[in-house]
Amino acid sequence: AKKRNQQANKKDPGDKKSTTKQKMKSIQQVQKNSKNSFCGEFKK
C-alpha cells in the first residue's frame, strides 16, 4: 500500500520536480561542506 501511494505521488510533475531539486541541493550541500572542512583542516 505504501509503494502504491508513493507511485501515485510520483506521477504528479510538481512533486517530481521538487524531489529532484531537493536531491540536487543535498548533493551540492554535501560537496560544499566537504570542501569547507578540507579548507579548515588545511589551515589548522
Full PDB file with SEQRES, HELIX, SHEET, SSBOND, CRYST1, ORIGX, SCALE, CONECT and MASTER records, all heavy atoms in Angstrom:
SEQRES   1 A   44  ALA LYS LYS ARG ASN GLN GLN ALA ASN LYS LYS ASP PRO          
SEQRES   2 A   44  GLY ASP LYS LYS SER THR THR LYS GLN LYS MET LYS SER          
SEQRES   3 A   44  ILE GLN GLN VAL GLN LYS ASN SER LYS ASN SER PHE CYS          
SEQRES   4 A   44  GLY GLU PHE LYS LYS                                          
HELIX    1 AA1 LYS A    2  LYS A   10  1                                   9    
HELIX    2 AA2 PRO A   13  LYS A   43  1                                  31    
CRYST1    1.000    1.000    1.000  90.00  90.00  90.00 P 1           1          
ORIGX1      1.000000  0.000000  0.000000        0.00000                         
ORIGX2      0.000000  1.000000  0.000000        0.00000                         
ORIGX3      0.000000  0.000000  1.000000        0.00000                         
SCALE1      1.000000  0.000000  0.000000        0.00000                         
SCALE2      0.000000  1.000000  0.000000        0.00000                         
SCALE3      0.000000  0.000000  1.000000        0.00000                         
ATOM      1  N   ALA A   1       0.835  -1.215   0.000  1.00  0.00           N  
ATOM      2  CA  ALA A   1       0.000   0.000   0.000  1.00  0.00           C  
ATOM      3  C   ALA A   1       0.863   1.256   0.000  1.00  0.00           C  
ATOM      4  O   ALA A   1       0.565   2.229  -0.708  1.00  0.00           O  
ATOM      5  CB  ALA A   1      -0.915  -0.014   1.231  1.00  0.00           C  
ATOM      6  N   LYS A   2       1.968   1.245   0.776  1.00  0.00           N  
ATOM      7  CA  LYS A   2       2.886   2.387   0.790  1.00  0.00           C  
ATOM      8  C   LYS A   2       3.497   2.624  -0.581  1.00  0.00           C  
ATOM      9  O   LYS A   2       3.607   3.759  -1.062  1.00  0.00           O  
ATOM     10  CB  LYS A   2       3.996   2.151   1.807  1.00  0.00           C  
ATOM     11  CG  LYS A   2       3.602   2.473   3.231  1.00  0.00           C  
ATOM     12  CD  LYS A   2       4.799   2.285   4.154  1.00  0.00           C  
ATOM     13  CE  LYS A   2       4.404   2.542   5.598  1.00  0.00           C  
ATOM     14  NZ  LYS A   2       5.552   2.338   6.507  1.00  0.00           N  
ATOM     15  N   LYS A   3       3.939   1.534  -1.235  1.00  0.00           N  
ATOM     16  CA  LYS A   3       4.544   1.663  -2.573  1.00  0.00           C  
ATOM     17  C   LYS A   3       3.555   2.239  -3.574  1.00  0.00           C  
ATOM     18  O   LYS A   3       3.909   3.058  -4.423  1.00  0.00           O  
ATOM     19  CB  LYS A   3       5.044   0.298  -3.038  1.00  0.00           C  
ATOM     20  CG  LYS A   3       6.325  -0.136  -2.353  1.00  0.00           C  
ATOM     21  CD  LYS A   3       6.787  -1.478  -2.870  1.00  0.00           C  
ATOM     22  CE  LYS A   3       8.049  -1.920  -2.167  1.00  0.00           C  
ATOM     23  NZ  LYS A   3       8.495  -3.254  -2.602  1.00  0.00           N  
ATOM     24  N   ARG A   4       2.295   1.785  -3.481  1.00  0.00           N  
ATOM     25  CA  ARG A   4       1.278   2.309  -4.408  1.00  0.00           C  
ATOM     26  C   ARG A   4       1.068   3.801  -4.192  1.00  0.00           C  
ATOM     27  O   ARG A   4       0.942   4.576  -5.147  1.00  0.00           O  
ATOM     28  CB  ARG A   4      -0.036   1.559  -4.194  1.00  0.00           C  
ATOM     29  CG  ARG A   4      -0.022   0.137  -4.710  1.00  0.00           C  
ATOM     30  CD  ARG A   4      -1.418  -0.434  -4.780  1.00  0.00           C  
ATOM     31  NE  ARG A   4      -1.403  -1.871  -4.965  1.00  0.00           N  
ATOM     32  CZ  ARG A   4      -1.585  -2.756  -3.982  1.00  0.00           C  
ATOM     33  NH1 ARG A   4      -1.820  -2.342  -2.741  1.00  0.00           N  
ATOM     34  NH2 ARG A   4      -1.547  -4.048  -4.239  1.00  0.00           N  
ATOM     35  N   ASN A   5       1.049   4.228  -2.924  1.00  0.00           N  
ATOM     36  CA  ASN A   5       0.890   5.664  -2.627  1.00  0.00           C  
ATOM     37  C   ASN A   5       2.065   6.477  -3.147  1.00  0.00           C  
ATOM     38  O   ASN A   5       1.892   7.572  -3.698  1.00  0.00           O  
ATOM     39  CB  ASN A   5       0.754   5.869  -1.116  1.00  0.00           C  
ATOM     40  CG  ASN A   5      -0.560   5.319  -0.576  1.00  0.00           C  
ATOM     41  OD1 ASN A   5      -1.558   5.298  -1.301  1.00  0.00           O  
ATOM     42  ND2 ASN A   5      -0.557   4.865   0.657  1.00  0.00           N  
ATOM     43  N   GLN A   6       3.284   5.940  -2.992  1.00  0.00           N  
ATOM     44  CA  GLN A   6       4.464   6.646  -3.496  1.00  0.00           C  
ATOM     45  C   GLN A   6       4.431   6.789  -5.008  1.00  0.00           C  
ATOM     46  O   GLN A   6       4.772   7.830  -5.565  1.00  0.00           O  
ATOM     47  CB  GLN A   6       5.732   5.912  -3.066  1.00  0.00           C  
ATOM     48  CG  GLN A   6       6.057   6.065  -1.592  1.00  0.00           C  
ATOM     49  CD  GLN A   6       7.250   5.236  -1.180  1.00  0.00           C  
ATOM     50  OE1 GLN A   6       7.842   4.551  -2.008  1.00  0.00           O  
ATOM     51  NE2 GLN A   6       7.582   5.282   0.105  1.00  0.00           N  
ATOM     52  N   GLN A   7       4.042   5.697  -5.701  1.00  0.00           N  
ATOM     53  CA  GLN A   7       3.943   5.771  -7.162  1.00  0.00           C  
ATOM     54  C   GLN A   7       2.888   6.776  -7.602  1.00  0.00           C  
ATOM     55  O   GLN A   7       3.068   7.495  -8.587  1.00  0.00           O  
ATOM     56  CB  GLN A   7       3.619   4.386  -7.716  1.00  0.00           C  
ATOM     57  CG  GLN A   7       4.796   3.425  -7.644  1.00  0.00           C  
ATOM     58  CD  GLN A   7       4.422   2.038  -8.098  1.00  0.00           C  
ATOM     59  OE1 GLN A   7       3.268   1.775  -8.452  1.00  0.00           O  
ATOM     60  NE2 GLN A   7       5.398   1.139  -8.086  1.00  0.00           N  
ATOM     61  N   ALA A   8       1.780   6.833  -6.865  1.00  0.00           N  
ATOM     62  CA  ALA A   8       0.734   7.800  -7.207  1.00  0.00           C  
ATOM     63  C   ALA A   8       1.232   9.228  -6.992  1.00  0.00           C  
ATOM     64  O   ALA A   8       0.927  10.125  -7.788  1.00  0.00           O  
ATOM     65  CB  ALA A   8      -0.507   7.542  -6.354  1.00  0.00           C  
ATOM     66  N   ASN A   9       2.023   9.458  -5.956  1.00  0.00           N  
ATOM     67  CA  ASN A   9       2.564  10.799  -5.707  1.00  0.00           C  
ATOM     68  C   ASN A   9       3.612  11.182  -6.744  1.00  0.00           C  
ATOM     69  O   ASN A   9       3.736  12.339  -7.124  1.00  0.00           O  
ATOM     70  CB  ASN A   9       3.180  10.857  -4.311  1.00  0.00           C  
ATOM     71  CG  ASN A   9       2.132  10.741  -3.223  1.00  0.00           C  
ATOM     72  OD1 ASN A   9       0.983  11.147  -3.428  1.00  0.00           O  
ATOM     73  ND2 ASN A   9       2.504  10.174  -2.084  1.00  0.00           N  
ATOM     74  N   LYS A  10       4.375  10.180  -7.203  1.00  0.00           N  
ATOM     75  CA  LYS A  10       5.423  10.466  -8.193  1.00  0.00           C  
ATOM     76  C   LYS A  10       4.834  10.905  -9.532  1.00  0.00           C  
ATOM     77  O   LYS A  10       5.483  11.591 -10.312  1.00  0.00           O  
ATOM     78  CB  LYS A  10       6.298   9.237  -8.398  1.00  0.00           C  
ATOM     79  CG  LYS A  10       7.348   9.074  -7.320  1.00  0.00           C  
ATOM     80  CD  LYS A  10       8.205   7.859  -7.592  1.00  0.00           C  
ATOM     81  CE  LYS A  10       9.239   7.684  -6.499  1.00  0.00           C  
ATOM     82  NZ  LYS A  10      10.063   6.488  -6.716  1.00  0.00           N  
ATOM     83  N   LYS A  11       3.626  10.470  -9.819  1.00  0.00           N  
ATOM     84  CA  LYS A  11       3.004  10.843 -11.097  1.00  0.00           C  
ATOM     85  C   LYS A  11       2.764  12.345 -11.195  1.00  0.00           C  
ATOM     86  O   LYS A  11       2.719  12.895 -12.283  1.00  0.00           O  
ATOM     87  CB  LYS A  11       1.691  10.087 -11.269  1.00  0.00           C  
ATOM     88  CG  LYS A  11       1.892   8.622 -11.596  1.00  0.00           C  
ATOM     89  CD  LYS A  11       0.565   7.908 -11.751  1.00  0.00           C  
ATOM     90  CE  LYS A  11       0.784   6.431 -12.048  1.00  0.00           C  
ATOM     91  NZ  LYS A  11      -0.500   5.707 -12.166  1.00  0.00           N  
ATOM     92  N   ASP A  12       2.643  13.016 -10.070  1.00  0.00           N  
ATOM     93  CA  ASP A  12       2.430  14.465 -10.068  1.00  0.00           C  
ATOM     94  C   ASP A  12       3.736  15.154 -10.464  1.00  0.00           C  
ATOM     95  O   ASP A  12       4.759  14.966  -9.809  1.00  0.00           O  
ATOM     96  CB  ASP A  12       2.010  14.918  -8.667  1.00  0.00           C  
ATOM     97  CG  ASP A  12       1.577  16.378  -8.639  1.00  0.00           C  
ATOM     98  OD1 ASP A  12       1.534  16.980  -9.725  1.00  0.00           O  
ATOM     99  OD2 ASP A  12       1.299  16.899  -7.549  1.00  0.00           O  
ATOM    100  N   PRO A  13       3.783  15.930 -11.579  1.00  0.00           N  
ATOM    101  CA  PRO A  13       5.052  16.515 -12.050  1.00  0.00           C  
ATOM    102  C   PRO A  13       5.630  17.529 -11.080  1.00  0.00           C  
ATOM    103  O   PRO A  13       6.836  17.657 -10.958  1.00  0.00           O  
ATOM    104  CB  PRO A  13       4.669  17.172 -13.376  1.00  0.00           C  
ATOM    105  CG  PRO A  13       3.204  17.437 -13.261  1.00  0.00           C  
ATOM    106  CD  PRO A  13       2.649  16.325 -12.425  1.00  0.00           C  
ATOM    107  N   GLY A  14       4.760  18.261 -10.372  1.00  0.00           N  
ATOM    108  CA  GLY A  14       5.271  19.252  -9.424  1.00  0.00           C  
ATOM    109  C   GLY A  14       6.061  18.592  -8.307  1.00  0.00           C  
ATOM    110  O   GLY A  14       7.129  19.056  -7.919  1.00  0.00           O  
ATOM    111  N   ASP A  15       5.521  17.457  -7.787  1.00  0.00           N  
ATOM    112  CA  ASP A  15       6.222  16.740  -6.726  1.00  0.00           C  
ATOM    113  C   ASP A  15       7.530  16.162  -7.242  1.00  0.00           C  
ATOM    114  O   ASP A  15       8.537  16.141  -6.540  1.00  0.00           O  
ATOM    115  CB  ASP A  15       5.338  15.611  -6.183  1.00  0.00           C  
ATOM    116  CG  ASP A  15       4.124  16.166  -5.452  1.00  0.00           C  
ATOM    117  OD1 ASP A  15       4.141  17.360  -5.114  1.00  0.00           O  
ATOM    118  OD2 ASP A  15       3.163  15.401  -5.234  1.00  0.00           O  
ATOM    119  N   LYS A  16       7.521  15.663  -8.493  1.00  0.00           N  
ATOM    120  CA  LYS A  16       8.738  15.085  -9.063  1.00  0.00           C  
ATOM    121  C   LYS A  16       9.828  16.137  -9.154  1.00  0.00           C  
ATOM    122  O   LYS A  16      10.991  15.889  -8.800  1.00  0.00           O  
ATOM    123  CB  LYS A  16       8.431  14.526 -10.455  1.00  0.00           C  
ATOM    124  CG  LYS A  16       9.571  13.720 -11.047  1.00  0.00           C  
ATOM    125  CD  LYS A  16       9.276  13.289 -12.463  1.00  0.00           C  
ATOM    126  CE  LYS A  16       8.391  12.081 -12.485  1.00  0.00           C  
ATOM    127  NZ  LYS A  16       8.209  11.558 -13.851  1.00  0.00           N  
ATOM    128  N   LYS A  17       9.473  17.334  -9.625  1.00  0.00           N  
ATOM    129  CA  LYS A  17      10.470  18.402  -9.736  1.00  0.00           C  
ATOM    130  C   LYS A  17      10.997  18.804  -8.367  1.00  0.00           C  
ATOM    131  O   LYS A  17      12.190  19.041  -8.185  1.00  0.00           O  
ATOM    132  CB  LYS A  17       9.859  19.607 -10.443  1.00  0.00           C  
ATOM    133  CG  LYS A  17       9.682  19.400 -11.934  1.00  0.00           C  
ATOM    134  CD  LYS A  17       9.229  20.672 -12.600  1.00  0.00           C  
ATOM    135  CE  LYS A  17       9.118  20.474 -14.111  1.00  0.00           C  
ATOM    136  NZ  LYS A  17       8.714  21.714 -14.786  1.00  0.00           N  
ATOM    137  N   SER A  18      10.114  18.863  -7.392  1.00  0.00           N  
ATOM    138  CA  SER A  18      10.555  19.272  -6.051  1.00  0.00           C  
ATOM    139  C   SER A  18      11.500  18.247  -5.451  1.00  0.00           C  
ATOM    140  O   SER A  18      12.510  18.600  -4.836  1.00  0.00           O  
ATOM    141  CB  SER A  18       9.340  19.447  -5.146  1.00  0.00           C  
ATOM    142  OG  SER A  18       8.665  18.213  -4.967  1.00  0.00           O  
ATOM    143  N   THR A  19      11.213  16.933  -5.654  1.00  0.00           N  
ATOM    144  CA  THR A  19      12.095  15.902  -5.098  1.00  0.00           C  
ATOM    145  C   THR A  19      13.460  15.938  -5.770  1.00  0.00           C  
ATOM    146  O   THR A  19      14.497  15.811  -5.107  1.00  0.00           O  
ATOM    147  CB  THR A  19      11.475  14.513  -5.288  1.00  0.00           C  
ATOM    148  OG1 THR A  19      11.105  14.345  -6.666  1.00  0.00           O  
ATOM    149  CG2 THR A  19      10.263  14.330  -4.390  1.00  0.00           C  
ATOM    150  N   THR A  20      13.501  16.114  -7.099  1.00  0.00           N  
ATOM    151  CA  THR A  20      14.790  16.172  -7.803  1.00  0.00           C  
ATOM    152  C   THR A  20      15.601  17.380  -7.357  1.00  0.00           C  
ATOM    153  O   THR A  20      16.823  17.292  -7.178  1.00  0.00           O  
ATOM    154  CB  THR A  20      14.570  16.231  -9.321  1.00  0.00           C  
ATOM    155  OG1 THR A  20      13.660  17.304  -9.619  1.00  0.00           O  
ATOM    156  CG2 THR A  20      14.019  14.925  -9.838  1.00  0.00           C  
ATOM    157  N   LYS A  21      14.916  18.517  -7.166  1.00  0.00           N  
ATOM    158  CA  LYS A  21      15.623  19.721  -6.703  1.00  0.00           C  
ATOM    159  C   LYS A  21      16.183  19.535  -5.297  1.00  0.00           C  
ATOM    160  O   LYS A  21      17.299  19.956  -4.999  1.00  0.00           O  
ATOM    161  CB  LYS A  21      14.669  20.917  -6.728  1.00  0.00           C  
ATOM    162  CG  LYS A  21      14.450  21.468  -8.127  1.00  0.00           C  
ATOM    163  CD  LYS A  21      13.387  22.533  -8.110  1.00  0.00           C  
ATOM    164  CE  LYS A  21      13.076  22.994  -9.537  1.00  0.00           C  
ATOM    165  NZ  LYS A  21      11.968  23.946  -9.566  1.00  0.00           N  
ATOM    166  N   GLN A  22      15.401  18.877  -4.447  1.00  0.00           N  
ATOM    167  CA  GLN A  22      15.885  18.626  -3.090  1.00  0.00           C  
ATOM    168  C   GLN A  22      17.113  17.724  -3.106  1.00  0.00           C  
ATOM    169  O   GLN A  22      18.068  17.947  -2.361  1.00  0.00           O  
ATOM    170  CB  GLN A  22      14.779  17.971  -2.260  1.00  0.00           C  
ATOM    171  CG  GLN A  22      13.677  18.949  -1.838  1.00  0.00           C  
ATOM    172  CD  GLN A  22      12.547  18.250  -1.135  1.00  0.00           C  
ATOM    173  OE1 GLN A  22      12.583  17.043  -0.941  1.00  0.00           O  
ATOM    174  NE2 GLN A  22      11.524  19.020  -0.779  1.00  0.00           N  
ATOM    175  N   LYS A  23      17.113  16.700  -3.964  1.00  0.00           N  
ATOM    176  CA  LYS A  23      18.271  15.816  -4.062  1.00  0.00           C  
ATOM    177  C   LYS A  23      19.496  16.573  -4.547  1.00  0.00           C  
ATOM    178  O   LYS A  23      20.604  16.409  -4.016  1.00  0.00           O  
ATOM    179  CB  LYS A  23      17.966  14.656  -5.023  1.00  0.00           C  
ATOM    180  CG  LYS A  23      17.052  13.599  -4.433  1.00  0.00           C  
ATOM    181  CD  LYS A  23      16.800  12.513  -5.448  1.00  0.00           C  
ATOM    182  CE  LYS A  23      15.845  11.467  -4.881  1.00  0.00           C  
ATOM    183  NZ  LYS A  23      15.541  10.417  -5.883  1.00  0.00           N  
ATOM    184  N   MET A  24      19.312  17.408  -5.594  1.00  0.00           N  
ATOM    185  CA  MET A  24      20.435  18.181  -6.121  1.00  0.00           C  
ATOM    186  C   MET A  24      20.992  19.121  -5.062  1.00  0.00           C  
ATOM    187  O   MET A  24      22.212  19.273  -4.916  1.00  0.00           O  
ATOM    188  CB  MET A  24      19.984  18.982  -7.343  1.00  0.00           C  
ATOM    189  CG  MET A  24      19.691  18.117  -8.558  1.00  0.00           C  
ATOM    190  SD  MET A  24      21.175  17.358  -9.241  1.00  0.00           S  
ATOM    191  CE  MET A  24      21.976  18.803  -9.921  1.00  0.00           C  
ATOM    192  N   LYS A  25      20.101  19.751  -4.303  1.00  0.00           N  
ATOM    193  CA  LYS A  25      20.545  20.672  -3.257  1.00  0.00           C  
ATOM    194  C   LYS A  25      21.320  19.934  -2.174  1.00  0.00           C  
ATOM    195  O   LYS A  25      22.338  20.421  -1.670  1.00  0.00           O  
ATOM    196  CB  LYS A  25      19.343  21.385  -2.641  1.00  0.00           C  
ATOM    197  CG  LYS A  25      18.848  22.555  -3.482  1.00  0.00           C  
ATOM    198  CD  LYS A  25      17.739  23.279  -2.756  1.00  0.00           C  
ATOM    199  CE  LYS A  25      17.258  24.483  -3.582  1.00  0.00           C  
ATOM    200  NZ  LYS A  25      16.172  25.196  -2.915  1.00  0.00           N  
ATOM    201  N   SER A  26      20.835  18.756  -1.809  1.00  0.00           N  
ATOM    202  CA  SER A  26      21.521  17.985  -0.756  1.00  0.00           C  
ATOM    203  C   SER A  26      22.910  17.563  -1.213  1.00  0.00           C  
ATOM    204  O   SER A  26      23.878  17.629  -0.446  1.00  0.00           O  
ATOM    205  CB  SER A  26      20.707  16.751  -0.395  1.00  0.00           C  
ATOM    206  OG  SER A  26      20.582  15.899  -1.508  1.00  0.00           O  
ATOM    207  N   ILE A  27      23.039  17.148  -2.506  1.00  0.00           N  
ATOM    208  CA  ILE A  27      24.352  16.757  -3.039  1.00  0.00           C  
ATOM    209  C   ILE A  27      25.300  17.945  -3.036  1.00  0.00           C  
ATOM    210  O   ILE A  27      26.472  17.839  -2.644  1.00  0.00           O  
ATOM    211  CB  ILE A  27      24.192  16.174  -4.460  1.00  0.00           C  
ATOM    212  CG1 ILE A  27      23.480  14.814  -4.404  1.00  0.00           C  
ATOM    213  CG2 ILE A  27      25.547  16.022  -5.148  1.00  0.00           C  
ATOM    214  CD1 ILE A  27      22.928  14.368  -5.720  1.00  0.00           C  
ATOM    215  N   GLN A  28      24.797  19.117  -3.503  1.00  0.00           N  
ATOM    216  CA  GLN A  28      25.642  20.315  -3.515  1.00  0.00           C  
ATOM    217  C   GLN A  28      26.046  20.737  -2.106  1.00  0.00           C  
ATOM    218  O   GLN A  28      27.178  21.165  -1.874  1.00  0.00           O  
ATOM    219  CB  GLN A  28      24.899  21.463  -4.204  1.00  0.00           C  
ATOM    220  CG  GLN A  28      24.798  21.298  -5.712  1.00  0.00           C  
ATOM    221  CD  GLN A  28      24.016  22.427  -6.347  1.00  0.00           C  
ATOM    222  OE1 GLN A  28      23.531  23.320  -5.660  1.00  0.00           O  
ATOM    223  NE2 GLN A  28      23.888  22.377  -7.663  1.00  0.00           N  
ATOM    224  N   GLN A  29      25.116  20.565  -1.138  1.00  0.00           N  
ATOM    225  CA  GLN A  29      25.427  20.948   0.244  1.00  0.00           C  
ATOM    226  C   GLN A  29      26.509  20.051   0.818  1.00  0.00           C  
ATOM    227  O   GLN A  29      27.415  20.524   1.518  1.00  0.00           O  
ATOM    228  CB  GLN A  29      24.156  20.839   1.094  1.00  0.00           C  
ATOM    229  CG  GLN A  29      24.272  21.516   2.468  1.00  0.00           C  
ATOM    230  CD  GLN A  29      24.371  23.023   2.357  1.00  0.00           C  
ATOM    231  OE1 GLN A  29      23.913  23.604   1.380  1.00  0.00           O  
ATOM    232  NE2 GLN A  29      24.993  23.642   3.335  1.00  0.00           N  
ATOM    233  N   VAL A  30      26.433  18.735   0.507  1.00  0.00           N  
ATOM    234  CA  VAL A  30      27.454  17.797   0.998  1.00  0.00           C  
ATOM    235  C   VAL A  30      28.814  18.144   0.419  1.00  0.00           C  
ATOM    236  O   VAL A  30      29.839  18.154   1.111  1.00  0.00           O  
ATOM    237  CB  VAL A  30      27.049  16.342   0.639  1.00  0.00           C  
ATOM    238  CG1 VAL A  30      28.215  15.395   0.846  1.00  0.00           C  
ATOM    239  CG2 VAL A  30      25.865  15.909   1.478  1.00  0.00           C  
ATOM    240  N   GLN A  31      28.853  18.424  -0.923  1.00  0.00           N  
ATOM    241  CA  GLN A  31      30.124  18.791  -1.556  1.00  0.00           C  
ATOM    242  C   GLN A  31      30.677  20.077  -0.956  1.00  0.00           C  
ATOM    243  O   GLN A  31      31.881  20.198  -0.709  1.00  0.00           O  
ATOM    244  CB  GLN A  31      29.925  18.953  -3.067  1.00  0.00           C  
ATOM    245  CG  GLN A  31      29.674  17.634  -3.786  1.00  0.00           C  
ATOM    246  CD  GLN A  31      29.426  17.835  -5.261  1.00  0.00           C  
ATOM    247  OE1 GLN A  31      29.322  18.968  -5.737  1.00  0.00           O  
ATOM    248  NE2 GLN A  31      29.317  16.747  -5.994  1.00  0.00           N  
ATOM    249  N   LYS A  32      29.784  21.044  -0.716  1.00  0.00           N  
ATOM    250  CA  LYS A  32      30.227  22.322  -0.156  1.00  0.00           C  
ATOM    251  C   LYS A  32      30.795  22.121   1.249  1.00  0.00           C  
ATOM    252  O   LYS A  32      31.847  22.670   1.606  1.00  0.00           O  
ATOM    253  CB  LYS A  32      29.039  23.280  -0.118  1.00  0.00           C  
ATOM    254  CG  LYS A  32      29.399  24.708   0.285  1.00  0.00           C  
ATOM    255  CD  LYS A  32      28.157  25.561   0.289  1.00  0.00           C  
ATOM    256  CE  LYS A  32      28.441  26.949   0.825  1.00  0.00           C  
ATOM    257  NZ  LYS A  32      27.242  27.762   0.902  1.00  0.00           N  
ATOM    258  N   ASN A  33      30.095  21.314   2.073  1.00  0.00           N  
ATOM    259  CA  ASN A  33      30.570  21.054   3.432  1.00  0.00           C  
ATOM    260  C   ASN A  33      31.908  20.348   3.432  1.00  0.00           C  
ATOM    261  O   ASN A  33      32.780  20.638   4.256  1.00  0.00           O  
ATOM    262  CB  ASN A  33      29.530  20.218   4.192  1.00  0.00           C  
ATOM    263  CG  ASN A  33      28.268  21.012   4.475  1.00  0.00           C  
ATOM    264  OD1 ASN A  33      28.295  22.232   4.525  1.00  0.00           O  
ATOM    265  ND2 ASN A  33      27.158  20.314   4.631  1.00  0.00           N  
ATOM    266  N   SER A  34      32.080  19.378   2.496  1.00  0.00           N  
ATOM    267  CA  SER A  34      33.357  18.650   2.438  1.00  0.00           C  
ATOM    268  C   SER A  34      34.491  19.596   2.050  1.00  0.00           C  
ATOM    269  O   SER A  34      35.588  19.536   2.626  1.00  0.00           O  
ATOM    270  CB  SER A  34      33.258  17.506   1.430  1.00  0.00           C  
ATOM    271  OG  SER A  34      33.058  18.014   0.119  1.00  0.00           O  
ATOM    272  N   LYS A  35      34.229  20.510   1.094  1.00  0.00           N  
ATOM    273  CA  LYS A  35      35.268  21.466   0.699  1.00  0.00           C  
ATOM    274  C   LYS A  35      35.600  22.416   1.844  1.00  0.00           C  
ATOM    275  O   LYS A  35      36.771  22.734   2.087  1.00  0.00           O  
ATOM    276  CB  LYS A  35      34.797  22.259  -0.531  1.00  0.00           C  
ATOM    277  CG  LYS A  35      34.819  21.445  -1.816  1.00  0.00           C  
ATOM    278  CD  LYS A  35      34.387  22.278  -2.992  1.00  0.00           C  
ATOM    279  CE  LYS A  35      34.423  21.453  -4.275  1.00  0.00           C  
ATOM    280  NZ  LYS A  35      34.005  22.250  -5.437  1.00  0.00           N  
ATOM    281  N   ASN A  36      34.582  22.869   2.563  1.00  0.00           N  
ATOM    282  CA  ASN A  36      34.820  23.751   3.699  1.00  0.00           C  
ATOM    283  C   ASN A  36      35.643  23.067   4.783  1.00  0.00           C  
ATOM    284  O   ASN A  36      36.556  23.665   5.368  1.00  0.00           O  
ATOM    285  CB  ASN A  36      33.484  24.217   4.298  1.00  0.00           C  
ATOM    286  CG  ASN A  36      32.737  25.161   3.361  1.00  0.00           C  
ATOM    287  OD1 ASN A  36      33.315  25.667   2.407  1.00  0.00           O  
ATOM    288  ND2 ASN A  36      31.465  25.379   3.618  1.00  0.00           N  
ATOM    289  N   SER A  37      35.326  21.783   5.042  1.00  0.00           N  
ATOM    290  CA  SER A  37      36.080  21.055   6.065  1.00  0.00           C  
ATOM    291  C   SER A  37      37.527  20.862   5.627  1.00  0.00           C  
ATOM    292  O   SER A  37      38.453  20.958   6.442  1.00  0.00           O  
ATOM    293  CB  SER A  37      35.425  19.697   6.325  1.00  0.00           C  
ATOM    294  OG  SER A  37      35.514  18.880   5.172  1.00  0.00           O  
ATOM    295  N   PHE A  38      37.753  20.604   4.327  1.00  0.00           N  
ATOM    296  CA  PHE A  38      39.115  20.443   3.816  1.00  0.00           C  
ATOM    297  C   PHE A  38      39.912  21.719   4.025  1.00  0.00           C  
ATOM    298  O   PHE A  38      41.070  21.683   4.463  1.00  0.00           O  
ATOM    299  CB  PHE A  38      39.080  20.084   2.329  1.00  0.00           C  
ATOM    300  CG  PHE A  38      38.935  18.610   2.059  1.00  0.00           C  
ATOM    301  CD1 PHE A  38      38.143  17.819   2.879  1.00  0.00           C  
ATOM    302  CD2 PHE A  38      39.569  18.008   0.992  1.00  0.00           C  
ATOM    303  CE1 PHE A  38      37.991  16.467   2.646  1.00  0.00           C  
ATOM    304  CE2 PHE A  38      39.432  16.657   0.751  1.00  0.00           C  
ATOM    305  CZ  PHE A  38      38.629  15.889   1.578  1.00  0.00           C  
ATOM    306  N   CYS A  39      39.293  22.869   3.707  1.00  0.00           N  
ATOM    307  CA  CYS A  39      39.986  24.156   3.871  1.00  0.00           C  
ATOM    308  C   CYS A  39      40.296  24.428   5.339  1.00  0.00           C  
ATOM    309  O   CYS A  39      41.388  24.903   5.678  1.00  0.00           O  
ATOM    310  CB  CYS A  39      39.133  25.288   3.297  1.00  0.00           C  
ATOM    311  SG  CYS A  39      38.928  25.232   1.514  1.00  0.00           S  
ATOM    312  N   GLY A  40      39.346  24.099   6.223  1.00  0.00           N  
ATOM    313  CA  GLY A  40      39.578  24.318   7.648  1.00  0.00           C  
ATOM    314  C   GLY A  40      40.706  23.463   8.193  1.00  0.00           C  
ATOM    315  O   GLY A  40      41.572  23.943   8.942  1.00  0.00           O  
ATOM    316  N   GLU A  41      40.739  22.183   7.800  1.00  0.00           N  
ATOM    317  CA  GLU A  41      41.808  21.280   8.252  1.00  0.00           C  
ATOM    318  C   GLU A  41      43.156  21.708   7.685  1.00  0.00           C  
ATOM    319  O   GLU A  41      44.189  21.612   8.362  1.00  0.00           O  
ATOM    320  CB  GLU A  41      41.488  19.846   7.821  1.00  0.00           C  
ATOM    321  CG  GLU A  41      40.244  19.253   8.441  1.00  0.00           C  
ATOM    322  CD  GLU A  41      40.403  18.972   9.924  1.00  0.00           C  
ATOM    323  OE1 GLU A  41      41.416  18.378  10.302  1.00  0.00           O  
ATOM    324  OE2 GLU A  41      39.527  19.389  10.686  1.00  0.00           O  
ATOM    325  N   PHE A  42      43.153  22.176   6.444  1.00  0.00           N  
ATOM    326  CA  PHE A  42      44.392  22.626   5.805  1.00  0.00           C  
ATOM    327  C   PHE A  42      44.985  23.824   6.569  1.00  0.00           C  
ATOM    328  O   PHE A  42      46.195  23.889   6.817  1.00  0.00           O  
ATOM    329  CB  PHE A  42      44.093  22.996   4.351  1.00  0.00           C  
ATOM    330  CG  PHE A  42      45.275  23.515   3.590  1.00  0.00           C  
ATOM    331  CD1 PHE A  42      46.272  22.661   3.162  1.00  0.00           C  
ATOM    332  CD2 PHE A  42      45.403  24.867   3.302  1.00  0.00           C  
ATOM    333  CE1 PHE A  42      47.365  23.143   2.464  1.00  0.00           C  
ATOM    334  CE2 PHE A  42      46.482  25.352   2.608  1.00  0.00           C  
ATOM    335  CZ  PHE A  42      47.467  24.481   2.184  1.00  0.00           C  
ATOM    336  N   LYS A  43      44.118  24.764   6.974  1.00  0.00           N  
ATOM    337  CA  LYS A  43      44.585  25.931   7.733  1.00  0.00           C  
ATOM    338  C   LYS A  43      45.144  25.518   9.097  1.00  0.00           C  
ATOM    339  O   LYS A  43      46.131  26.086   9.573  1.00  0.00           O  
ATOM    340  CB  LYS A  43      43.443  26.926   7.918  1.00  0.00           C  
ATOM    341  CG  LYS A  43      43.213  27.808   6.713  1.00  0.00           C  
ATOM    342  CD  LYS A  43      42.184  28.863   7.040  1.00  0.00           C  
ATOM    343  CE  LYS A  43      42.057  29.839   5.891  1.00  0.00           C  
ATOM    344  NZ  LYS A  43      41.080  30.897   6.186  1.00  0.00           N  
ATOM    345  N   LYS A  44      44.509  24.535   9.735  1.00  0.00           N  
ATOM    346  CA  LYS A  44      44.997  24.050  11.025  1.00  0.00           C  
ATOM    347  C   LYS A  44      46.412  23.506  10.909  1.00  0.00           C  
ATOM    348  O   LYS A  44      47.265  23.757  11.773  1.00  0.00           O  
ATOM    349  CB  LYS A  44      44.076  22.942  11.547  1.00  0.00           C  
ATOM    350  CG  LYS A  44      42.761  23.429  12.110  1.00  0.00           C  
ATOM    351  CD  LYS A  44      41.948  22.241  12.573  1.00  0.00           C  
ATOM    352  CE  LYS A  44      40.530  22.674  12.966  1.00  0.00           C  
ATOM    353  NZ  LYS A  44      39.700  21.508  13.333  1.00  0.00           N  
TER     354      LYS A  44                                                      
MASTER        0    0    0    2    0    0    0    6  353    1    0    4          
END                                                                             
